[in-house]
Amino acid sequence: QFNSLFSYANINDIDAFVVTIGTICSNISAEKKLEFLMQFNRPVIVVAAKTEGFPNIYFDNKTGLKTAIRHLIEEHGRKNIGFVCGPATNEDSRERLVAYKETLKECRIPFNENYIVYGNFSEFSEEIVYSLMKQNPNLDAVVFANDRMAIGGYKVFKELGLDVGEDISVLGFDDSDCALTLEPNLS
């Protein structure tokens, strides 16, 4: 989706590519990602996703998220926790969903498939968050697979008359700049 810039690169002036494939190819299949990476005919280092056949640097999507969800459960007594997942084609998104499910299981909280919706990692998530809340008005916490989707979530919570931090706990992931601009700041 954001890879048109690569077609302008003068291949004769480039020794290797460092590709943040988790960002620029977050909404495409694994086959399309490989096709994209194979076009360069140069060494490629992949960032933000494991890609077979390429050296890579990727994020620990589990440890921090599991710790934060466990904190919601153990310190704040939250039991009905929704999850706004990123694209199903994105490896980070899938790993964060696994962390959510594993943490619920470890804390002996029954998993409810209706507590999960899928977004696109953008701030324009109002529609999916609204549908999550409409279908599950009992949610006392919502975990977002990235911080940007929480922007739309905050708008929905405000429209529904829910005070973030009081009526509903909210977590994001990525520690991006937008986490500090939300009121109250995103955990």
Protein backbone atom coordinates (compact mmCIF):
# COMPACT_ATOMS: atom_id res chain seq x y z
CA GLN A 1 0.00 0.00 0.00
CA PHE A 2 2.85 2.41 0.74
CA ASN A 3 5.46 0.78 -1.47
CA SER A 4 5.29 2.93 -4.61
CA LEU A 5 8.39 4.83 -3.46
CA PHE A 6 10.45 1.67 -3.87
CA SER A 7 9.81 1.62 -7.62
CA TYR A 8 11.71 4.93 -7.88
CA ALA A 9 14.88 3.65 -6.22
CA ASN A 10 17.89 3.50 -8.54
CA ILE A 11 18.96 -0.07 -7.97
CA ASN A 12 22.52 0.68 -9.11
CA ASP A 13 23.05 3.06 -6.17
CA ILE A 14 21.72 0.72 -3.48
CA ASP A 15 23.68 -2.02 -1.75
CA ALA A 16 20.87 -3.31 0.49
CA PHE A 17 17.34 -2.50 1.60
CA VAL A 18 16.02 -2.20 5.15
CA VAL A 19 12.27 -2.67 4.81
CA THR A 20 9.74 -2.00 7.57
CA ILE A 21 7.44 -4.59 6.10
CA GLY A 22 5.23 -4.65 9.18
CA THR A 23 4.22 -1.09 8.29
CA ILE A 24 4.31 -0.81 4.53
CA CYS A 25 2.77 -4.23 3.89
CA SER A 26 0.51 -4.60 6.91
CA ASN A 27 -2.64 -5.30 4.91
CA ILE A 28 -1.43 -7.81 2.34
CA SER A 29 -0.94 -11.56 2.31
CA ALA A 30 2.34 -13.34 3.08
CA GLU A 31 2.62 -14.31 -0.60
CA LYS A 32 2.35 -10.67 -1.71
CA LYS A 33 4.92 -9.63 0.92
CA LEU A 34 7.40 -12.16 -0.47
CA GLU A 35 6.69 -10.99 -4.02
CA PHE A 36 7.36 -7.42 -2.92
CA LEU A 37 10.67 -8.32 -1.22
CA MET A 38 11.91 -10.50 -4.09
CA GLN A 39 11.73 -7.63 -6.59
CA PHE A 40 14.89 -5.93 -5.31
CA ASN A 41 17.57 -8.48 -6.22
CA ARG A 42 19.67 -7.04 -3.40
CA PRO A 43 20.13 -8.02 0.25
CA VAL A 44 17.04 -7.15 2.29
CA ILE A 45 16.70 -6.84 6.06
CA VAL A 46 13.11 -6.98 7.22
CA VAL A 47 11.96 -4.87 10.17
CA ALA A 48 8.81 -5.40 12.25
CA ALA A 49 7.89 -8.84 10.93
CA LYS A 50 9.34 -12.31 10.67
CA THR A 51 9.71 -13.19 7.01
CA GLU A 52 11.09 -16.58 6.04
CA GLY A 53 14.25 -16.38 3.98
CA PHE A 54 15.19 -12.86 5.13
CA PRO A 55 17.17 -11.61 8.13
CA ASN A 56 14.78 -9.72 10.34
CA ILE A 57 14.33 -7.52 13.37
CA TYR A 58 10.95 -7.78 15.02
CA PHE A 59 9.10 -6.68 18.13
CA ASP A 60 8.19 -8.65 21.22
CA ASN A 61 4.43 -8.37 20.86
CA LYS A 62 3.62 -10.52 23.85
CA THR A 63 5.50 -9.59 27.01
CA GLY A 64 4.38 -5.98 27.42
CA LEU A 65 0.83 -6.59 26.28
CA LYS A 66 0.39 -9.60 28.56
CA THR A 67 1.76 -7.62 31.51
CA ALA A 68 -0.62 -4.73 30.82
CA ILE A 69 -3.69 -6.96 30.42
CA ARG A 70 -2.78 -8.86 33.57
CA HIS A 71 -2.55 -5.48 35.37
CA LEU A 72 -6.09 -4.63 34.21
CA ILE A 73 -7.34 -7.91 35.60
CA GLU A 74 -5.39 -8.17 38.84
CA GLU A 75 -5.11 -4.52 39.89
CA HIS A 76 -8.33 -3.06 38.46
CA GLY A 77 -10.64 -6.08 38.58
CA ARG A 78 -11.53 -5.92 34.88
CA LYS A 79 -13.11 -9.14 33.63
CA ASN A 80 -14.96 -8.18 30.42
CA ILE A 81 -12.13 -7.07 28.19
CA GLY A 82 -12.65 -6.36 24.51
CA PHE A 83 -9.90 -6.45 21.93
CA VAL A 84 -9.60 -4.25 18.85
CA CYS A 85 -7.26 -6.25 16.66
CA GLY A 86 -5.39 -4.99 13.63
CA PRO A 87 -5.62 -6.61 10.20
CA ALA A 88 -5.84 -10.39 10.22
CA THR A 89 -3.06 -10.43 7.58
CA ASN A 90 -0.60 -8.61 9.86
CA GLU A 91 1.80 -10.72 11.93
CA ASP A 92 2.06 -8.18 14.76
CA SER A 93 -1.71 -8.05 14.93
CA ARG A 94 -2.01 -11.83 15.10
CA GLU A 95 0.68 -12.08 17.81
CA ARG A 96 -1.04 -9.40 19.90
CA LEU A 97 -4.32 -11.27 19.60
CA VAL A 98 -2.59 -14.45 20.79
CA ALA A 99 -1.18 -12.52 23.78
CA TYR A 100 -4.70 -11.31 24.63
CA LYS A 101 -6.15 -14.85 24.44
CA GLU A 102 -3.27 -16.40 26.40
CA THR A 103 -3.54 -13.82 29.17
CA LEU A 104 -7.27 -14.38 29.57
CA LYS A 105 -6.66 -18.13 29.78
CA GLU A 106 -3.81 -17.71 32.30
CA CYS A 107 -6.07 -15.51 34.43
CA ARG A 108 -8.97 -17.97 34.15
CA ILE A 109 -11.22 -15.57 32.29
CA PRO A 110 -13.41 -17.24 29.66
CA PHE A 111 -12.61 -16.24 26.10
CA ASN A 112 -15.51 -14.65 24.19
CA GLU A 113 -15.12 -14.37 20.40
CA ASN A 114 -17.71 -11.55 20.41
CA TYR A 115 -15.24 -9.39 22.35
CA ILE A 116 -12.94 -9.15 19.30
CA VAL A 117 -13.22 -6.82 16.30
CA TYR A 118 -10.73 -6.27 13.48
CA GLY A 119 -9.46 -2.85 12.43
CA ASN A 120 -6.79 -1.55 10.11
CA PHE A 121 -4.33 0.08 12.54
CA SER A 122 -5.67 3.56 11.66
CA GLU A 123 -7.28 6.16 13.88
CA PHE A 124 -10.51 5.83 11.87
CA SER A 125 -11.82 3.01 14.02
CA GLU A 126 -15.05 4.52 15.32
CA GLU A 127 -17.32 2.18 13.37
CA ILE A 128 -15.68 -1.03 14.62
CA VAL A 129 -15.38 0.22 18.20
CA TYR A 130 -19.01 1.32 18.16
CA SER A 131 -20.10 -2.12 16.93
CA LEU A 132 -17.97 -3.79 19.64
CA MET A 133 -19.56 -1.66 22.35
CA LYS A 134 -23.09 -1.99 20.98
CA GLN A 135 -22.78 -5.78 20.87
CA ASN A 136 -21.07 -5.92 24.29
CA PRO A 137 -22.30 -3.09 26.55
CA ASN A 138 -20.88 -4.97 29.56
CA LEU A 139 -17.25 -4.38 28.54
CA ASP A 140 -15.25 -2.79 31.33
CA ALA A 141 -11.99 -2.56 29.35
CA VAL A 142 -10.85 -2.43 25.74
CA VAL A 143 -7.37 -3.29 24.53
CA PHE A 144 -6.28 -1.84 21.20
CA ALA A 145 -3.64 -3.65 19.13
CA ASN A 146 -2.09 -0.26 18.45
CA ASP A 147 -2.37 3.27 19.81
CA ARG A 148 -3.78 4.86 16.65
CA MET A 149 -6.98 2.81 16.76
CA ALA A 150 -7.53 4.00 20.34
CA ILE A 151 -8.05 7.54 18.99
CA GLY A 152 -11.31 6.44 17.39
CA GLY A 153 -12.12 4.42 20.49
CA TYR A 154 -11.86 7.47 22.73
CA LYS A 155 -14.35 9.30 20.48
CA VAL A 156 -16.82 6.42 20.76
CA PHE A 157 -16.44 6.13 24.52
CA LYS A 158 -17.14 9.85 24.86
CA GLU A 159 -20.23 9.58 22.63
CA LEU A 160 -21.47 6.70 24.78
CA GLY A 161 -20.95 8.75 27.95
CA LEU A 162 -18.16 6.50 29.26
CA ASP A 163 -15.30 8.07 31.20
CA VAL A 164 -12.00 6.49 30.17
CA GLY A 165 -10.16 5.35 33.28
CA GLU A 166 -13.35 5.24 35.35
CA ASP A 167 -16.16 3.50 33.45
CA ILE A 168 -13.86 1.76 31.01
CA SER A 169 -10.15 1.00 31.06
CA VAL A 170 -8.27 1.41 27.79
CA LEU A 171 -4.90 0.03 26.70
CA GLY A 172 -2.95 0.66 23.52
CA PHE A 173 0.21 -0.81 22.10
CA ASP A 174 3.23 0.90 20.48
CA ASP A 175 3.76 3.83 22.86
CA SER A 176 3.29 6.24 19.98
CA ASP A 177 3.09 10.03 20.30
CA CYS A 178 -0.70 9.98 20.03
CA ALA A 179 -0.90 8.13 23.38
CA LEU A 180 0.13 11.36 25.10
CA THR A 181 -2.39 13.52 23.23
CA LEU A 182 -5.45 11.55 24.35
CA GLU A 183 -7.28 12.73 27.46
CA PRO A 184 -6.62 10.99 29.76
CA ASN A 185 -3.32 9.74 28.38
CA LEU A 186 -3.51 6.26 26.89
CA SER A 187 -1.99 3.49 28.98
